[in-house]
Amino acid sequence: MKLPIIKQFVNFAEEKDVDFLHDTLATLENLIECDRISDQELDVIGELMSNLSAAIEVTKEIQEGKSKTDAINGFMKRVMGSIDK
């Protein structure tokens, strides 16, 4: 996951609508079913999907009342905490 990309997606969701992120994620999920996609392309799509999922979760926390900074930092702490285990 890349924090600048997550922030960009969160900003986009705030400016437009989080539904665009959901639609993009669904499109990428469908795309990975294509049998002509290389492993390298799958890695890139997977990274984008991870960042989109993170942005959706952060956006949800913002909508529930957390500040953007707290939502992003909290998410990254959870991710780092789960990696350290």
PDB file of N, CA and C in Angstrom:
ATOM      1  N   MET A   1       0.832  -1.180   0.000  1.00  0.00           N
ATOM      2  CA  MET A   1       0.000   0.000   0.000  1.00  0.00           C
ATOM      3  C   MET A   1       0.874   1.239   0.000  1.00  0.00           C
ATOM      4  N   LYS A   2       0.395   2.228  -0.682  1.00  0.00           N
ATOM      5  CA  LYS A   2       1.146   3.481  -0.780  1.00  0.00           C
ATOM      6  C   LYS A   2       0.271   4.618  -0.277  1.00  0.00           C
ATOM      7  N   LEU A   3       0.746   5.245   0.777  1.00  0.00           N
ATOM      8  CA  LEU A   3      -0.015   6.307   1.431  1.00  0.00           C
ATOM      9  C   LEU A   3      -0.400   7.445   0.484  1.00  0.00           C
ATOM     10  N   PRO A   4       0.502   7.922  -0.391  1.00  0.00           N
ATOM     11  CA  PRO A   4       0.090   9.010  -1.297  1.00  0.00           C
ATOM     12  C   PRO A   4      -1.070   8.619  -2.221  1.00  0.00           C
ATOM     13  N   ILE A   5      -1.089   7.371  -2.646  1.00  0.00           N
ATOM     14  CA  ILE A   5      -2.177   6.913  -3.516  1.00  0.00           C
ATOM     15  C   ILE A   5      -3.470   6.811  -2.725  1.00  0.00           C
ATOM     16  N   ILE A   6      -3.399   6.292  -1.509  1.00  0.00           N
ATOM     17  CA  ILE A   6      -4.585   6.213  -0.654  1.00  0.00           C
ATOM     18  C   ILE A   6      -5.148   7.609  -0.414  1.00  0.00           C
ATOM     19  N   LYS A   7      -4.270   8.565  -0.098  1.00  0.00           N
ATOM     20  CA  LYS A   7      -4.717   9.946   0.123  1.00  0.00           C
ATOM     21  C   LYS A   7      -5.380  10.517  -1.127  1.00  0.00           C
ATOM     22  N   GLN A   8      -4.804  10.235  -2.281  1.00  0.00           N
ATOM     23  CA  GLN A   8      -5.382  10.732  -3.536  1.00  0.00           C
ATOM     24  C   GLN A   8      -6.776  10.157  -3.748  1.00  0.00           C
ATOM     25  N   PHE A   9      -6.941   8.861  -3.503  1.00  0.00           N
ATOM     26  CA  PHE A   9      -8.262   8.237  -3.629  1.00  0.00           C
ATOM     27  C   PHE A   9      -9.248   8.823  -2.623  1.00  0.00           C
ATOM     28  N   VAL A  10      -8.800   9.067  -1.396  1.00  0.00           N
ATOM     29  CA  VAL A  10      -9.668   9.655  -0.370  1.00  0.00           C
ATOM     30  C   VAL A  10     -10.101  11.055  -0.805  1.00  0.00           C
ATOM     31  N   ASN A  11      -9.166  11.838  -1.310  1.00  0.00           N
ATOM     32  CA  ASN A  11      -9.503  13.179  -1.794  1.00  0.00           C
ATOM     33  C   ASN A  11     -10.515  13.117  -2.932  1.00  0.00           C
ATOM     34  N   PHE A  12     -10.314  12.171  -3.835  1.00  0.00           N
ATOM     35  CA  PHE A  12     -11.245  11.994  -4.943  1.00  0.00           C
ATOM     36  C   PHE A  12     -12.639  11.650  -4.430  1.00  0.00           C
ATOM     37  N   ALA A  13     -12.697  10.735  -3.450  1.00  0.00           N
ATOM     38  CA  ALA A  13     -13.990  10.336  -2.884  1.00  0.00           C
ATOM     39  C   ALA A  13     -14.686  11.516  -2.211  1.00  0.00           C
ATOM     40  N   GLU A  14     -13.903  12.382  -1.573  1.00  0.00           N
ATOM     41  CA  GLU A  14     -14.484  13.559  -0.924  1.00  0.00           C
ATOM     42  C   GLU A  14     -15.008  14.553  -1.957  1.00  0.00           C
ATOM     43  N   GLU A  15     -14.284  14.721  -3.053  1.00  0.00           N
ATOM     44  CA  GLU A  15     -14.683  15.668  -4.089  1.00  0.00           C
ATOM     45  C   GLU A  15     -15.850  15.152  -4.915  1.00  0.00           C
ATOM     46  N   LYS A  16     -15.844  13.890  -5.214  1.00  0.00           N
ATOM     47  CA  LYS A  16     -16.876  13.291  -6.077  1.00  0.00           C
ATOM     48  C   LYS A  16     -17.845  12.490  -5.203  1.00  0.00           C
ATOM     49  N   ASP A  17     -17.565  11.186  -5.090  1.00  0.00           N
ATOM     50  CA  ASP A  17     -18.408  10.295  -4.296  1.00  0.00           C
ATOM     51  C   ASP A  17     -17.658   8.983  -4.113  1.00  0.00           C
ATOM     52  N   VAL A  18     -17.790   8.391  -2.949  1.00  0.00           N
ATOM     53  CA  VAL A  18     -17.098   7.134  -2.663  1.00  0.00           C
ATOM     54  C   VAL A  18     -17.598   6.005  -3.569  1.00  0.00           C
ATOM     55  N   ASP A  19     -18.795   6.155  -4.123  1.00  0.00           N
ATOM     56  CA  ASP A  19     -19.315   5.125  -5.028  1.00  0.00           C
ATOM     57  C   ASP A  19     -18.409   4.920  -6.239  1.00  0.00           C
ATOM     58  N   PHE A  20     -17.705   5.978  -6.669  1.00  0.00           N
ATOM     59  CA  PHE A  20     -16.766   5.821  -7.771  1.00  0.00           C
ATOM     60  C   PHE A  20     -15.649   4.851  -7.397  1.00  0.00           C
ATOM     61  N   LEU A  21     -15.210   4.904  -6.148  1.00  0.00           N
ATOM     62  CA  LEU A  21     -14.170   3.971  -5.700  1.00  0.00           C
ATOM     63  C   LEU A  21     -14.695   2.542  -5.684  1.00  0.00           C
ATOM     64  N   HIS A  22     -15.926   2.370  -5.212  1.00  0.00           N
ATOM     65  CA  HIS A  22     -16.541   1.035  -5.206  1.00  0.00           C
ATOM     66  C   HIS A  22     -16.654   0.494  -6.637  1.00  0.00           C
ATOM     67  N   ASP A  23     -17.090   1.348  -7.558  1.00  0.00           N
ATOM     68  CA  ASP A  23     -17.239   0.920  -8.953  1.00  0.00           C
ATOM     69  C   ASP A  23     -15.891   0.555  -9.572  1.00  0.00           C
ATOM     70  N   THR A  24     -14.877   1.343  -9.285  1.00  0.00           N
ATOM     71  CA  THR A  24     -13.537   1.063  -9.809  1.00  0.00           C
ATOM     72  C   THR A  24     -13.003  -0.250  -9.252  1.00  0.00           C
ATOM     73  N   LEU A  25     -13.216  -0.469  -7.966  1.00  0.00           N
ATOM     74  CA  LEU A  25     -12.778  -1.721  -7.344  1.00  0.00           C
ATOM     75  C   LEU A  25     -13.483  -2.916  -7.985  1.00  0.00           C
ATOM     76  N   ALA A  26     -14.776  -2.795  -8.214  1.00  0.00           N
ATOM     77  CA  ALA A  26     -15.527  -3.878  -8.860  1.00  0.00           C
ATOM     78  C   ALA A  26     -15.012  -4.129 -10.277  1.00  0.00           C
ATOM     79  N   THR A  27     -14.677  -3.076 -10.985  1.00  0.00           N
ATOM     80  CA  THR A  27     -14.140  -3.215 -12.343  1.00  0.00           C
ATOM     81  C   THR A  27     -12.802  -3.947 -12.319  1.00  0.00           C
ATOM     82  N   LEU A  28     -11.928  -3.568 -11.403  1.00  0.00           N
ATOM     83  CA  LEU A  28     -10.628  -4.237 -11.297  1.00  0.00           C
ATOM     84  C   LEU A  28     -10.784  -5.699 -10.882  1.00  0.00           C
ATOM     85  N   GLU A  29     -11.733  -5.977  -9.994  1.00  0.00           N
ATOM     86  CA  GLU A  29     -11.992  -7.367  -9.593  1.00  0.00           C
ATOM     87  C   GLU A  29     -12.410  -8.192 -10.798  1.00  0.00           C
ATOM     88  N   ASN A  30     -13.212  -7.599 -11.665  1.00  0.00           N
ATOM     89  CA  ASN A  30     -13.628  -8.303 -12.871  1.00  0.00           C
ATOM     90  C   ASN A  30     -12.461  -8.492 -13.828  1.00  0.00           C
ATOM     91  N   LEU A  31     -11.603  -7.486 -13.925  1.00  0.00           N
ATOM     92  CA  LEU A  31     -10.476  -7.523 -14.850  1.00  0.00           C
ATOM     93  C   LEU A  31      -9.492  -8.646 -14.521  1.00  0.00           C
ATOM     94  N   ILE A  32      -9.299  -8.934 -13.241  1.00  0.00           N
ATOM     95  CA  ILE A  32      -8.310  -9.967 -12.886  1.00  0.00           C
ATOM     96  C   ILE A  32      -8.746 -11.364 -13.311  1.00  0.00           C
ATOM     97  N   GLU A  33     -10.001 -11.502 -13.709  1.00  0.00           N
ATOM     98  CA  GLU A  33     -10.482 -12.802 -14.184  1.00  0.00           C
ATOM     99  C   GLU A  33     -10.067 -13.087 -15.623  1.00  0.00           C
ATOM    100  N   CYS A  34      -9.558 -12.085 -16.303  1.00  0.00           N
ATOM    101  CA  CYS A  34      -9.104 -12.246 -17.686  1.00  0.00           C
ATOM    102  C   CYS A  34      -7.883 -13.167 -17.706  1.00  0.00           C
ATOM    103  N   ASP A  35      -7.904 -14.152 -18.586  1.00  0.00           N
ATOM    104  CA  ASP A  35      -6.818 -15.128 -18.600  1.00  0.00           C
ATOM    105  C   ASP A  35      -5.569 -14.648 -19.342  1.00  0.00           C
ATOM    106  N   ARG A  36      -5.608 -13.496 -19.939  1.00  0.00           N
ATOM    107  CA  ARG A  36      -4.464 -13.009 -20.703  1.00  0.00           C
ATOM    108  C   ARG A  36      -3.688 -11.913 -19.973  1.00  0.00           C
ATOM    109  N   ILE A  37      -3.896 -11.791 -18.680  1.00  0.00           N
ATOM    110  CA  ILE A  37      -3.191 -10.773 -17.901  1.00  0.00           C
ATOM    111  C   ILE A  37      -1.933 -11.413 -17.306  1.00  0.00           C
ATOM    112  N   SER A  38      -0.821 -10.720 -17.461  1.00  0.00           N
ATOM    113  CA  SER A  38       0.452 -11.248 -16.966  1.00  0.00           C
ATOM    114  C   SER A  38       0.529 -11.113 -15.442  1.00  0.00           C
ATOM    115  N   ASP A  39       1.478 -11.812 -14.858  1.00  0.00           N
ATOM    116  CA  ASP A  39       1.690 -11.735 -13.409  1.00  0.00           C
ATOM    117  C   ASP A  39       2.043 -10.315 -12.979  1.00  0.00           C
ATOM    118  N   GLN A  40       2.844  -9.640 -13.782  1.00  0.00           N
ATOM    119  CA  GLN A  40       3.220  -8.269 -13.460  1.00  0.00           C
ATOM    120  C   GLN A  40       1.988  -7.354 -13.468  1.00  0.00           C
ATOM    121  N   GLU A  41       1.139  -7.521 -14.447  1.00  0.00           N
ATOM    122  CA  GLU A  41      -0.097  -6.724 -14.515  1.00  0.00           C
ATOM    123  C   GLU A  41      -1.014  -7.042 -13.335  1.00  0.00           C
ATOM    124  N   LEU A  42      -1.075  -8.302 -12.966  1.00  0.00           N
ATOM    125  CA  LEU A  42      -1.891  -8.690 -11.806  1.00  0.00           C
ATOM    126  C   LEU A  42      -1.363  -8.045 -10.526  1.00  0.00           C
ATOM    127  N   ASP A  43      -0.047  -7.960 -10.411  1.00  0.00           N
ATOM    128  CA  ASP A  43       0.545  -7.305  -9.244  1.00  0.00           C
ATOM    129  C   ASP A  43       0.132  -5.834  -9.167  1.00  0.00           C
ATOM    130  N   VAL A  44       0.169  -5.151 -10.299  1.00  0.00           N
ATOM    131  CA  VAL A  44      -0.210  -3.739 -10.339  1.00  0.00           C
ATOM    132  C   VAL A  44      -1.687  -3.575 -10.009  1.00  0.00           C
ATOM    133  N   ILE A  45      -2.522  -4.414 -10.593  1.00  0.00           N
ATOM    134  CA  ILE A  45      -3.962  -4.347 -10.321  1.00  0.00           C
ATOM    135  C   ILE A  45      -4.226  -4.648  -8.851  1.00  0.00           C
ATOM    136  N   GLY A  46      -3.533  -5.631  -8.306  1.00  0.00           N
ATOM    137  CA  GLY A  46      -3.696  -5.974  -6.893  1.00  0.00           C
ATOM    138  C   GLY A  46      -3.305  -4.827  -5.980  1.00  0.00           C
ATOM    139  N   GLU A  47      -2.228  -4.136  -6.329  1.00  0.00           N
ATOM    140  CA  GLU A  47      -1.797  -2.976  -5.541  1.00  0.00           C
ATOM    141  C   GLU A  47      -2.850  -1.872  -5.601  1.00  0.00           C
ATOM    142  N   LEU A  48      -3.388  -1.620  -6.775  1.00  0.00           N
ATOM    143  CA  LEU A  48      -4.453  -0.621  -6.902  1.00  0.00           C
ATOM    144  C   LEU A  48      -5.683  -1.012  -6.100  1.00  0.00           C
ATOM    145  N   MET A  49      -6.027  -2.290  -6.138  1.00  0.00           N
ATOM    146  CA  MET A  49      -7.182  -2.762  -5.377  1.00  0.00           C
ATOM    147  C   MET A  49      -6.964  -2.583  -3.878  1.00  0.00           C
ATOM    148  N   SER A  50      -5.757  -2.855  -3.406  1.00  0.00           N
ATOM    149  CA  SER A  50      -5.446  -2.669  -1.989  1.00  0.00           C
ATOM    150  C   SER A  50      -5.582  -1.199  -1.594  1.00  0.00           C
ATOM    151  N   ASN A  51      -5.055  -0.318  -2.434  1.00  0.00           N
ATOM    152  CA  ASN A  51      -5.141   1.107  -2.152  1.00  0.00           C
ATOM    153  C   ASN A  51      -6.582   1.609  -2.203  1.00  0.00           C
ATOM    154  N   LEU A  52      -7.358   1.120  -3.154  1.00  0.00           N
ATOM    155  CA  LEU A  52      -8.775   1.493  -3.233  1.00  0.00           C
ATOM    156  C   LEU A  52      -9.528   1.024  -1.995  1.00  0.00           C
ATOM    157  N   SER A  53      -9.285  -0.209  -1.580  1.00  0.00           N
ATOM    158  CA  SER A  53      -9.954  -0.748  -0.391  1.00  0.00           C
ATOM    159  C   SER A  53      -9.598   0.067   0.845  1.00  0.00           C
ATOM    160  N   ALA A  54      -8.336   0.441   0.957  1.00  0.00           N
ATOM    161  CA  ALA A  54      -7.903   1.268   2.080  1.00  0.00           C
ATOM    162  C   ALA A  54      -8.603   2.620   2.051  1.00  0.00           C
ATOM    163  N   ALA A  55      -8.677   3.231   0.873  1.00  0.00           N
ATOM    164  CA  ALA A  55      -9.323   4.540   0.743  1.00  0.00           C
ATOM    165  C   ALA A  55     -10.806   4.460   1.079  1.00  0.00           C
ATOM    166  N   ILE A  56     -11.447   3.379   0.700  1.00  0.00           N
ATOM    167  CA  ILE A  56     -12.865   3.202   1.029  1.00  0.00           C
ATOM    168  C   ILE A  56     -13.045   3.113   2.540  1.00  0.00           C
ATOM    169  N   GLU A  57     -12.170   2.363   3.197  1.00  0.00           N
ATOM    170  CA  GLU A  57     -12.249   2.234   4.658  1.00  0.00           C
ATOM    171  C   GLU A  57     -11.980   3.568   5.345  1.00  0.00           C
ATOM    172  N   VAL A  58     -10.969   4.286   4.892  1.00  0.00           N
ATOM    173  CA  VAL A  58     -10.643   5.594   5.474  1.00  0.00           C
ATOM    174  C   VAL A  58     -11.792   6.570   5.247  1.00  0.00           C
ATOM    175  N   THR A  59     -12.364   6.564   4.053  1.00  0.00           N
ATOM    176  CA  THR A  59     -13.489   7.449   3.743  1.00  0.00           C
ATOM    177  C   THR A  59     -14.674   7.154   4.650  1.00  0.00           C
ATOM    178  N   LYS A  60     -14.910   5.880   4.919  1.00  0.00           N
ATOM    179  CA  LYS A  60     -16.004   5.501   5.819  1.00  0.00           C
ATOM    180  C   LYS A  60     -15.771   6.090   7.214  1.00  0.00           C
ATOM    181  N   GLU A  61     -14.541   6.003   7.703  1.00  0.00           N
ATOM    182  CA  GLU A  61     -14.223   6.551   9.022  1.00  0.00           C
ATOM    183  C   GLU A  61     -14.385   8.069   9.041  1.00  0.00           C
ATOM    184  N   ILE A  62     -14.028   8.720   7.956  1.00  0.00           N
ATOM    185  CA  ILE A  62     -14.203  10.172   7.868  1.00  0.00           C
ATOM    186  C   ILE A  62     -15.685  10.516   7.910  1.00  0.00           C
ATOM    187  N   GLN A  63     -16.491   9.754   7.196  1.00  0.00           N
ATOM    188  CA  GLN A  63     -17.935   9.989   7.186  1.00  0.00           C
ATOM    189  C   GLN A  63     -18.553   9.743   8.564  1.00  0.00           C
ATOM    190  N   GLU A  64     -17.904   8.900   9.361  1.00  0.00           N
ATOM    191  CA  GLU A  64     -18.383   8.625  10.716  1.00  0.00           C
ATOM    192  C   GLU A  64     -17.912   9.676  11.719  1.00  0.00           C
ATOM    193  N   GLY A  65     -17.114  10.656  11.250  1.00  0.00           N
ATOM    194  CA  GLY A  65     -16.744  11.756  12.114  1.00  0.00           C
ATOM    195  C   GLY A  65     -15.276  11.918  12.442  1.00  0.00           C
ATOM    196  N   LYS A  66     -14.438  10.981  12.036  1.00  0.00           N
ATOM    197  CA  LYS A  66     -13.003  11.129  12.292  1.00  0.00           C
ATOM    198  C   LYS A  66     -12.415  12.160  11.342  1.00  0.00           C
ATOM    199  N   SER A  67     -11.359  12.803  11.791  1.00  0.00           N
ATOM    200  CA  SER A  67     -10.642  13.704  10.881  1.00  0.00           C
ATOM    201  C   SER A  67      -9.910  12.850   9.855  1.00  0.00           C
ATOM    202  N   LYS A  68      -9.597  13.455   8.719  1.00  0.00           N
ATOM    203  CA  LYS A  68      -8.897  12.726   7.668  1.00  0.00           C
ATOM    204  C   LYS A  68      -7.551  12.212   8.181  1.00  0.00           C
ATOM    205  N   THR A  69      -6.842  13.051   8.902  1.00  0.00           N
ATOM    206  CA  THR A  69      -5.526  12.663   9.429  1.00  0.00           C
ATOM    207  C   THR A  69      -5.644  11.491  10.392  1.00  0.00           C
ATOM    208  N   ASP A  70      -6.606  11.569  11.325  1.00  0.00           N
ATOM    209  CA  ASP A  70      -6.785  10.482  12.288  1.00  0.00           C
ATOM    210  C   ASP A  70      -7.213   9.190  11.602  1.00  0.00           C
ATOM    211  N   ALA A  71      -8.091   9.300  10.606  1.00  0.00           N
ATOM    212  CA  ALA A  71      -8.560   8.112   9.896  1.00  0.00           C
ATOM    213  C   ALA A  71      -7.418   7.442   9.139  1.00  0.00           C
ATOM    214  N   ILE A  72      -6.616   8.235   8.453  1.00  0.00           N
ATOM    215  CA  ILE A  72      -5.490   7.676   7.691  1.00  0.00           C
ATOM    216  C   ILE A  72      -4.438   7.095   8.626  1.00  0.00           C
ATOM    217  N   ASN A  73      -4.080   7.854   9.667  1.00  0.00           N
ATOM    218  CA  ASN A  73      -3.068   7.359  10.609  1.00  0.00           C
ATOM    219  C   ASN A  73      -3.546   6.101  11.320  1.00  0.00           C
ATOM    220  N   GLY A  74      -4.803   6.073  11.722  1.00  0.00           N
ATOM    221  CA  GLY A  74      -5.351   4.890  12.384  1.00  0.00           C
ATOM    222  C   GLY A  74      -5.326   3.674  11.474  1.00  0.00           C
ATOM    223  N   PHE A  75      -5.668   3.874  10.216  1.00  0.00           N
ATOM    224  CA  PHE A  75      -5.649   2.770   9.264  1.00  0.00           C
ATOM    225  C   PHE A  75      -4.222   2.244   9.091  1.00  0.00           C
ATOM    226  N   MET A  76      -3.276   3.154   8.907  1.00  0.00           N
ATOM    227  CA  MET A  76      -1.894   2.727   8.696  1.00  0.00           C
ATOM    228  C   MET A  76      -1.336   2.012   9.935  1.00  0.00           C
ATOM    229  N   LYS A  77      -1.719   2.457  11.124  1.00  0.00           N
ATOM    230  CA  LYS A  77      -1.279   1.767  12.346  1.00  0.00           C
ATOM    231  C   LYS A  77      -1.839   0.352  12.399  1.00  0.00           C
ATOM    232  N   ARG A  78      -3.107   0.196  12.014  1.00  0.00           N
ATOM    233  CA  ARG A  78      -3.705  -1.148  11.998  1.00  0.00           C
ATOM    234  C   ARG A  78      -2.987  -2.043  10.997  1.00  0.00           C
ATOM    235  N   VAL A  79      -2.677  -1.501   9.836  1.00  0.00           N
ATOM    236  CA  VAL A  79      -1.984  -2.286   8.819  1.00  0.00           C
ATOM    237  C   VAL A  79      -0.591  -2.678   9.317  1.00  0.00           C
ATOM    238  N   MET A  80       0.146  -1.712   9.831  1.00  0.00           N
ATOM    239  CA  MET A  80       1.490  -1.999  10.315  1.00  0.00           C
ATOM    240  C   MET A  80       1.445  -2.968  11.501  1.00  0.00           C
ATOM    241  N   GLY A  81       0.452  -2.827  12.358  1.00  0.00           N
ATOM    242  CA  GLY A  81       0.303  -3.728  13.501  1.00  0.00           C
ATOM    243  C   GLY A  81       0.017  -5.158  13.058  1.00  0.00           C
ATOM    244  N   SER A  82      -0.762  -5.309  11.991  1.00  0.00           N
ATOM    245  CA  SER A  82      -1.071  -6.656  11.530  1.00  0.00           C
ATOM    246  C   SER A  82       0.126  -7.286  10.815  1.00  0.00           C
ATOM    247  N   ILE A  83       0.986  -6.464  10.231  1.00  0.00           N
ATOM    248  CA  ILE A  83       2.190  -6.973   9.587  1.00  0.00           C
ATOM    249  C   ILE A  83       3.205  -7.431  10.624  1.00  0.00           C
ATOM    250  N   ASP A  84       3.285  -6.680  11.736  1.00  0.00           N
ATOM    251  CA  ASP A  84       4.260  -6.999  12.779  1.00  0.00           C
ATOM    252  C   ASP A  84       3.924  -8.279  13.531  1.00  0.00           C
ATOM    253  N   LYS A  85       2.700  -8.725  13.468  1.00  0.00           N
ATOM    254  CA  LYS A  85       2.299  -9.914  14.241  1.00  0.00           C
ATOM    255  C   LYS A  85       2.781 -11.178  13.635  1.00  0.00           C
TER     256      LYS A  85
END
